[in-house]
């Protein structure tokens, strides 16, 4: 598997069963509660491509992988 560059990551927070972003990578809205379900998060942890639509701006993130702190995506999110 090809390494994913760190520029393609975005941090998230998990509070019980909810997934939050401190800031949306697209519109910069703060404290965004996503609609991500436990099954989707498990898929991301297992390296299954997972789509996440941001509720603040309908931005579509394609997540390739996940760890305990970051989602690893198909596009560059950091400058």
PDB file of N, CA and C in Angstrom:
ATOM      1  N   UNK A   1       0.837  -1.182   0.000  1.00  0.00           N
ATOM      2  CA  UNK A   1       0.000   0.000   0.000  1.00  0.00           C
ATOM      3  C   UNK A   1       0.877   1.239   0.000  1.00  0.00           C
ATOM      4  N   UNK A   2       0.493   2.214  -0.795  1.00  0.00           N
ATOM      5  CA  UNK A   2       1.217   3.470  -0.888  1.00  0.00           C
ATOM      6  C   UNK A   2       0.972   4.310   0.366  1.00  0.00           C
ATOM      7  N   UNK A   3       2.013   4.963   0.850  1.00  0.00           N
ATOM      8  CA  UNK A   3       1.875   5.816   2.028  1.00  0.00           C
ATOM      9  C   UNK A   3       1.044   7.048   1.706  1.00  0.00           C
ATOM     10  N   UNK A   4       0.187   7.421   2.634  1.00  0.00           N
ATOM     11  CA  UNK A   4      -0.641   8.614   2.494  1.00  0.00           C
ATOM     12  C   UNK A   4       0.095   9.760   3.167  1.00  0.00           C
ATOM     13  N   UNK A   5       0.274  10.893   2.471  1.00  0.00           N
ATOM     14  CA  UNK A   5       0.996  12.011   3.089  1.00  0.00           C
ATOM     15  C   UNK A   5       0.197  12.636   4.236  1.00  0.00           C
ATOM     16  N   UNK A   6       0.929  13.204   5.188  1.00  0.00           N
ATOM     17  CA  UNK A   6       0.286  13.797   6.363  1.00  0.00           C
ATOM     18  C   UNK A   6      -0.618  14.970   5.989  1.00  0.00           C
ATOM     19  N   UNK A   7      -0.373  15.616   4.863  1.00  0.00           N
ATOM     20  CA  UNK A   7      -1.224  16.712   4.404  1.00  0.00           C
ATOM     21  C   UNK A   7      -2.649  16.242   4.118  1.00  0.00           C
ATOM     22  N   UNK A   8      -2.820  14.937   3.954  1.00  0.00           N
ATOM     23  CA  UNK A   8      -4.136  14.357   3.663  1.00  0.00           C
ATOM     24  C   UNK A   8      -4.846  13.873   4.923  1.00  0.00           C
ATOM     25  N   UNK A   9      -4.451  14.377   6.068  1.00  0.00           N
ATOM     26  CA  UNK A   9      -5.089  13.951   7.320  1.00  0.00           C
ATOM     27  C   UNK A   9      -5.921  15.068   7.913  1.00  0.00           C
ATOM     28  N   UNK A  10      -6.874  14.671   8.743  1.00  0.00           N
ATOM     29  CA  UNK A  10      -7.653  15.661   9.486  1.00  0.00           C
ATOM     30  C   UNK A  10      -7.970  15.072  10.857  1.00  0.00           C
ATOM     31  N   UNK A  11      -7.725  15.841  11.932  1.00  0.00           N
ATOM     32  CA  UNK A  11      -7.974  15.315  13.279  1.00  0.00           C
ATOM     33  C   UNK A  11      -9.469  15.271  13.600  1.00  0.00           C
ATOM     34  N   UNK A  12      -9.830  14.316  14.436  1.00  0.00           N
ATOM     35  CA  UNK A  12     -11.206  14.204  14.895  1.00  0.00           C
ATOM     36  C   UNK A  12     -11.210  13.855  16.373  1.00  0.00           C
ATOM     37  N   UNK A  13     -12.337  14.072  16.998  1.00  0.00           N
ATOM     38  CA  UNK A  13     -12.519  13.719  18.404  1.00  0.00           C
ATOM     39  C   UNK A  13     -13.682  12.753  18.501  1.00  0.00           C
ATOM     40  N   UNK A  14     -13.529  11.787  19.366  1.00  0.00           N
ATOM     41  CA  UNK A  14     -14.603  10.820  19.609  1.00  0.00           C
ATOM     42  C   UNK A  14     -15.086  11.012  21.043  1.00  0.00           C
ATOM     43  N   UNK A  15     -16.374  11.317  21.193  1.00  0.00           N
ATOM     44  CA  UNK A  15     -17.001  11.487  22.496  1.00  0.00           C
ATOM     45  C   UNK A  15     -18.133  10.474  22.555  1.00  0.00           C
ATOM     46  N   UNK A  16     -17.913   9.410  23.298  1.00  0.00           N
ATOM     47  CA  UNK A  16     -18.795   8.239  23.345  1.00  0.00           C
ATOM     48  C   UNK A  16     -18.995   7.723  21.926  1.00  0.00           C
ATOM     49  N   UNK A  17     -20.194   7.805  21.365  1.00  0.00           N
ATOM     50  CA  UNK A  17     -20.434   7.296  20.006  1.00  0.00           C
ATOM     51  C   UNK A  17     -20.460   8.394  18.957  1.00  0.00           C
ATOM     52  N   UNK A  18     -20.150   9.631  19.341  1.00  0.00           N
ATOM     53  CA  UNK A  18     -20.206  10.757  18.416  1.00  0.00           C
ATOM     54  C   UNK A  18     -18.812  11.112  17.920  1.00  0.00           C
ATOM     55  N   UNK A  19     -18.739  11.503  16.648  1.00  0.00           N
ATOM     56  CA  UNK A  19     -17.497  11.933  16.023  1.00  0.00           C
ATOM     57  C   UNK A  19     -17.606  13.431  15.735  1.00  0.00           C
ATOM     58  N   UNK A  20     -16.655  14.190  16.263  1.00  0.00           N
ATOM     59  CA  UNK A  20     -16.626  15.642  16.100  1.00  0.00           C
ATOM     60  C   UNK A  20     -15.360  16.057  15.361  1.00  0.00           C
ATOM     61  N   UNK A  21     -15.471  17.153  14.608  1.00  0.00           N
ATOM     62  CA  UNK A  21     -14.313  17.850  14.074  1.00  0.00           C
ATOM     63  C   UNK A  21     -14.237  19.177  14.806  1.00  0.00           C
ATOM     64  N   UNK A  22     -13.048  19.565  15.255  1.00  0.00           N
ATOM     65  CA  UNK A  22     -12.884  20.889  15.852  1.00  0.00           C
ATOM     66  C   UNK A  22     -13.171  21.969  14.823  1.00  0.00           C
ATOM     67  N   UNK A  23     -12.831  21.654  13.561  1.00  0.00           N
ATOM     68  CA  UNK A  23     -13.048  22.606  12.476  1.00  0.00           C
ATOM     69  C   UNK A  23     -13.268  21.832  11.185  1.00  0.00           C
ATOM     70  N   UNK A  24     -14.223  22.268  10.388  1.00  0.00           N
ATOM     71  CA  UNK A  24     -14.468  21.648   9.086  1.00  0.00           C
ATOM     72  C   UNK A  24     -13.302  21.982   8.155  1.00  0.00           C
ATOM     73  N   UNK A  25     -12.759  21.002   7.431  1.00  0.00           N
ATOM     74  CA  UNK A  25     -11.640  21.287   6.537  1.00  0.00           C
ATOM     75  C   UNK A  25     -12.033  22.144   5.332  1.00  0.00           C
ATOM     76  N   UNK A  26     -13.328  22.263   5.062  1.00  0.00           N
ATOM     77  CA  UNK A  26     -13.775  23.019   3.901  1.00  0.00           C
ATOM     78  C   UNK A  26     -14.252  24.423   4.271  1.00  0.00           C
ATOM     79  N   UNK A  27     -15.260  24.533   5.118  1.00  0.00           N
ATOM     80  CA  UNK A  27     -15.869  25.840   5.411  1.00  0.00           C
ATOM     81  C   UNK A  27     -15.373  26.457   6.716  1.00  0.00           C
ATOM     82  N   UNK A  28     -14.560  25.734   7.465  1.00  0.00           N
ATOM     83  CA  UNK A  28     -13.967  26.203   8.722  1.00  0.00           C
ATOM     84  C   UNK A  28     -14.977  26.396   9.856  1.00  0.00           C
ATOM     85  N   UNK A  29     -16.166  25.796   9.735  1.00  0.00           N
ATOM     86  CA  UNK A  29     -17.129  25.828  10.839  1.00  0.00           C
ATOM     87  C   UNK A  29     -16.509  25.122  12.036  1.00  0.00           C
ATOM     88  N   UNK A  30     -16.837  25.575  13.233  1.00  0.00           N
ATOM     89  CA  UNK A  30     -16.230  25.022  14.441  1.00  0.00           C
ATOM     90  C   UNK A  30     -17.147  24.016  15.118  1.00  0.00           C
ATOM     91  N   UNK A  31     -16.525  23.055  15.819  1.00  0.00           N
ATOM     92  CA  UNK A  31     -17.237  22.039  16.609  1.00  0.00           C
ATOM     93  C   UNK A  31     -18.352  21.359  15.824  1.00  0.00           C
ATOM     94  N   UNK A  32     -17.978  20.691  14.741  1.00  0.00           N
ATOM     95  CA  UNK A  32     -18.931  20.052  13.843  1.00  0.00           C
ATOM     96  C   UNK A  32     -19.182  18.613  14.296  1.00  0.00           C
ATOM     97  N   UNK A  33     -20.428  18.313  14.600  1.00  0.00           N
ATOM     98  CA  UNK A  33     -20.845  16.949  14.912  1.00  0.00           C
ATOM     99  C   UNK A  33     -21.177  16.263  13.602  1.00  0.00           C
ATOM    100  N   UNK A  34     -20.474  15.189  13.283  1.00  0.00           N
ATOM    101  CA  UNK A  34     -20.724  14.480  12.022  1.00  0.00           C
ATOM    102  C   UNK A  34     -21.834  13.454  12.214  1.00  0.00           C
ATOM    103  N   UNK A  35     -22.307  12.950  11.094  1.00  0.00           N
ATOM    104  CA  UNK A  35     -23.331  11.903  11.112  1.00  0.00           C
ATOM    105  C   UNK A  35     -22.714  10.510  11.009  1.00  0.00           C
ATOM    106  N   UNK A  36     -21.424  10.401  11.256  1.00  0.00           N
ATOM    107  CA  UNK A  36     -20.724   9.128  11.113  1.00  0.00           C
ATOM    108  C   UNK A  36     -21.230   8.116  12.127  1.00  0.00           C
ATOM    109  N   UNK A  37     -21.563   6.938  11.629  1.00  0.00           N
ATOM    110  CA  UNK A  37     -22.040   5.835  12.465  1.00  0.00           C
ATOM    111  C   UNK A  37     -20.863   4.953  12.884  1.00  0.00           C
ATOM    112  N   UNK A  38     -21.079   4.161  13.900  1.00  0.00           N
ATOM    113  CA  UNK A  38     -20.038   3.251  14.423  1.00  0.00           C
ATOM    114  C   UNK A  38     -19.533   2.303  13.335  1.00  0.00           C
ATOM    115  N   UNK A  39     -20.437   1.805  12.497  1.00  0.00           N
ATOM    116  CA  UNK A  39     -20.057   0.885  11.423  1.00  0.00           C
ATOM    117  C   UNK A  39     -19.137   1.576  10.415  1.00  0.00           C
ATOM    118  N   UNK A  40     -19.415   2.828  10.088  1.00  0.00           N
ATOM    119  CA  UNK A  40     -18.558   3.580   9.169  1.00  0.00           C
ATOM    120  C   UNK A  40     -17.170   3.795   9.769  1.00  0.00           C
ATOM    121  N   UNK A  41     -17.124   4.106  11.050  1.00  0.00           N
ATOM    122  CA  UNK A  41     -15.835   4.293  11.710  1.00  0.00           C
ATOM    123  C   UNK A  41     -15.043   2.986  11.732  1.00  0.00           C
ATOM    124  N   UNK A  42     -15.698   1.879  12.006  1.00  0.00           N
ATOM    125  CA  UNK A  42     -15.034   0.571  11.976  1.00  0.00           C
ATOM    126  C   UNK A  42     -14.478   0.286  10.587  1.00  0.00           C
ATOM    127  N   UNK A  43     -15.249   0.611   9.547  1.00  0.00           N
ATOM    128  CA  UNK A  43     -14.773   0.417   8.170  1.00  0.00           C
ATOM    129  C   UNK A  43     -13.521   1.248   7.912  1.00  0.00           C
ATOM    130  N   UNK A  44     -13.528   2.502   8.362  1.00  0.00           N
ATOM    131  CA  UNK A  44     -12.366   3.372   8.164  1.00  0.00           C
ATOM    132  C   UNK A  44     -11.145   2.809   8.885  1.00  0.00           C
ATOM    133  N   UNK A  45     -11.330   2.295  10.103  1.00  0.00           N
ATOM    134  CA  UNK A  45     -10.221   1.685  10.847  1.00  0.00           C
ATOM    135  C   UNK A  45      -9.661   0.464  10.122  1.00  0.00           C
ATOM    136  N   UNK A  46     -10.507  -0.226   9.369  1.00  0.00           N
ATOM    137  CA  UNK A  46     -10.085  -1.421   8.642  1.00  0.00           C
ATOM    138  C   UNK A  46      -9.616  -1.121   7.227  1.00  0.00           C
ATOM    139  N   UNK A  47      -9.479   0.162   6.865  1.00  0.00           N
ATOM    140  CA  UNK A  47      -8.954   0.527   5.553  1.00  0.00           C
ATOM    141  C   UNK A  47      -9.964   0.467   4.430  1.00  0.00           C
ATOM    142  N   UNK A  48     -11.243   0.461   4.748  1.00  0.00           N
ATOM    143  CA  UNK A  48     -12.288   0.468   3.726  1.00  0.00           C
ATOM    144  C   UNK A  48     -12.634   1.915   3.412  1.00  0.00           C
ATOM    145  N   UNK A  49     -12.655   2.277   2.117  1.00  0.00           N
ATOM    146  CA  UNK A  49     -13.015   3.643   1.738  1.00  0.00           C
ATOM    147  C   UNK A  49     -14.381   3.992   2.306  1.00  0.00           C
ATOM    148  N   UNK A  50     -14.453   5.140   2.958  1.00  0.00           N
ATOM    149  CA  UNK A  50     -15.678   5.574   3.618  1.00  0.00           C
ATOM    150  C   UNK A  50     -15.941   7.026   3.253  1.00  0.00           C
ATOM    151  N   UNK A  51     -17.150   7.313   2.797  1.00  0.00           N
ATOM    152  CA  UNK A  51     -17.527   8.688   2.486  1.00  0.00           C
ATOM    153  C   UNK A  51     -18.171   9.324   3.705  1.00  0.00           C
ATOM    154  N   UNK A  52     -17.806  10.576   3.942  1.00  0.00           N
ATOM    155  CA  UNK A  52     -18.372  11.344   5.038  1.00  0.00           C
ATOM    156  C   UNK A  52     -18.810  12.690   4.482  1.00  0.00           C
ATOM    157  N   UNK A  53     -20.101  12.977   4.571  1.00  0.00           N
ATOM    158  CA  UNK A  53     -20.648  14.255   4.149  1.00  0.00           C
ATOM    159  C   UNK A  53     -20.687  15.165   5.368  1.00  0.00           C
ATOM    160  N   UNK A  54     -20.036  16.303   5.269  1.00  0.00           N
ATOM    161  CA  UNK A  54     -20.009  17.248   6.379  1.00  0.00           C
ATOM    162  C   UNK A  54     -21.368  17.938   6.479  1.00  0.00           C
ATOM    163  N   UNK A  55     -21.996  17.928   7.653  1.00  0.00           N
ATOM    164  CA  UNK A  55     -23.330  18.503   7.785  1.00  0.00           C
ATOM    165  C   UNK A  55     -23.362  20.027   7.680  1.00  0.00           C
ATOM    166  N   UNK A  56     -22.230  20.683   7.874  1.00  0.00           N
ATOM    167  CA  UNK A  56     -22.193  22.143   7.857  1.00  0.00           C
ATOM    168  C   UNK A  56     -22.223  22.715   6.441  1.00  0.00           C
ATOM    169  N   UNK A  57     -21.612  22.000   5.474  1.00  0.00           N
ATOM    170  CA  UNK A  57     -21.492  22.567   4.125  1.00  0.00           C
ATOM    171  C   UNK A  57     -21.669  21.526   3.012  1.00  0.00           C
ATOM    172  N   UNK A  58     -22.046  20.304   3.363  1.00  0.00           N
ATOM    173  CA  UNK A  58     -22.235  19.200   2.414  1.00  0.00           C
ATOM    174  C   UNK A  58     -20.953  18.818   1.674  1.00  0.00           C
ATOM    175  N   UNK A  59     -19.828  19.114   2.258  1.00  0.00           N
ATOM    176  CA  UNK A  59     -18.533  18.740   1.698  1.00  0.00           C
ATOM    177  C   UNK A  59     -18.342  17.234   1.845  1.00  0.00           C
ATOM    178  N   UNK A  60     -17.851  16.579   0.792  1.00  0.00           N
ATOM    179  CA  UNK A  60     -17.677  15.131   0.789  1.00  0.00           C
ATOM    180  C   UNK A  60     -16.207  14.775   1.026  1.00  0.00           C
ATOM    181  N   UNK A  61     -15.939  14.105   2.139  1.00  0.00           N
ATOM    182  CA  UNK A  61     -14.603  13.589   2.444  1.00  0.00           C
ATOM    183  C   UNK A  61     -14.587  12.103   2.125  1.00  0.00           C
ATOM    184  N   UNK A  62     -13.575  11.651   1.420  1.00  0.00           N
ATOM    185  CA  UNK A  62     -13.387  10.223   1.204  1.00  0.00           C
ATOM    186  C   UNK A  62     -12.254   9.775   2.105  1.00  0.00           C
ATOM    187  N   UNK A  63     -12.586   8.987   3.102  1.00  0.00           N
ATOM    188  CA  UNK A  63     -11.623   8.525   4.099  1.00  0.00           C
ATOM    189  C   UNK A  63     -11.069   7.178   3.652  1.00  0.00           C
ATOM    190  N   UNK A  64      -9.744   7.108   3.568  1.00  0.00           N
ATOM    191  CA  UNK A  64      -9.077   5.869   3.176  1.00  0.00           C
ATOM    192  C   UNK A  64      -8.721   5.004   4.376  1.00  0.00           C
ATOM    193  N   UNK A  65      -8.421   5.650   5.499  1.00  0.00           N
ATOM    194  CA  UNK A  65      -7.972   4.939   6.684  1.00  0.00           C
ATOM    195  C   UNK A  65      -8.208   5.845   7.890  1.00  0.00           C
ATOM    196  N   UNK A  66      -8.139   5.273   9.066  1.00  0.00           N
ATOM    197  CA  UNK A  66      -8.310   6.039  10.293  1.00  0.00           C
ATOM    198  C   UNK A  66      -7.437   5.441  11.385  1.00  0.00           C
ATOM    199  N   UNK A  67      -7.018   6.296  12.289  1.00  0.00           N
ATOM    200  CA  UNK A  67      -6.374   5.834  13.516  1.00  0.00           C
ATOM    201  C   UNK A  67      -7.110   6.515  14.668  1.00  0.00           C
ATOM    202  N   UNK A  68      -6.555   6.480  15.844  1.00  0.00           N
ATOM    203  CA  UNK A  68      -7.261   7.026  17.002  1.00  0.00           C
ATOM    204  C   UNK A  68      -7.356   8.547  17.002  1.00  0.00           C
ATOM    205  N   UNK A  69      -6.589   9.214  16.153  1.00  0.00           N
ATOM    206  CA  UNK A  69      -6.556  10.674  16.151  1.00  0.00           C
ATOM    207  C   UNK A  69      -6.913  11.328  14.821  1.00  0.00           C
ATOM    208  N   UNK A  70      -6.648  10.636  13.705  1.00  0.00           N
ATOM    209  CA  UNK A  70      -6.767  11.255  12.386  1.00  0.00           C
ATOM    210  C   UNK A  70      -7.544  10.379  11.419  1.00  0.00           C
ATOM    211  N   UNK A  71      -8.226  11.072  10.484  1.00  0.00           N
ATOM    212  CA  UNK A  71      -8.745  10.428   9.281  1.00  0.00           C
ATOM    213  C   UNK A  71      -7.731  10.695   8.181  1.00  0.00           C
ATOM    214  N   UNK A  72      -7.413   9.668   7.413  1.00  0.00           N
ATOM    215  CA  UNK A  72      -6.486   9.770   6.292  1.00  0.00           C
ATOM    216  C   UNK A  72      -7.341   9.760   5.026  1.00  0.00           C
ATOM    217  N   UNK A  73      -7.279  10.842   4.235  1.00  0.00           N
ATOM    218  CA  UNK A  73      -8.211  11.048   3.129  1.00  0.00           C
ATOM    219  C   UNK A  73      -7.525  10.985   1.769  1.00  0.00           C
ATOM    220  N   UNK A  74      -8.339  11.076   0.729  1.00  0.00           N
ATOM    221  CA  UNK A  74      -7.828  11.017  -0.645  1.00  0.00           C
ATOM    222  C   UNK A  74      -7.290  12.353  -1.141  1.00  0.00           C
ATOM    223  N   UNK A  75      -7.564  13.443  -0.428  1.00  0.00           N
ATOM    224  CA  UNK A  75      -7.133  14.754  -0.900  1.00  0.00           C
ATOM    225  C   UNK A  75      -6.374  15.530   0.168  1.00  0.00           C
ATOM    226  N   UNK A  76      -5.644  16.492  -0.284  1.00  0.00           N
ATOM    227  CA  UNK A  76      -4.864  17.326   0.622  1.00  0.00           C
ATOM    228  C   UNK A  76      -5.799  18.269   1.382  1.00  0.00           C
ATOM    229  N   UNK A  77      -5.726  18.240   2.694  1.00  0.00           N
ATOM    230  CA  UNK A  77      -6.577  19.073   3.541  1.00  0.00           C
ATOM    231  C   UNK A  77      -5.794  20.143   4.287  1.00  0.00           C
ATOM    232  N   UNK A  78      -4.491  19.960   4.386  1.00  0.00           N
ATOM    233  CA  UNK A  78      -3.633  20.921   5.098  1.00  0.00           C
ATOM    234  C   UNK A  78      -2.769  21.663   4.094  1.00  0.00           C
ATOM    235  N   UNK A  79      -2.447  22.898   4.447  1.00  0.00           N
ATOM    236  CA  UNK A  79      -1.600  23.714   3.566  1.00  0.00           C
ATOM    237  C   UNK A  79      -0.171  23.693   3.991  1.00  0.00           C
TER     238      UNK A  79
END
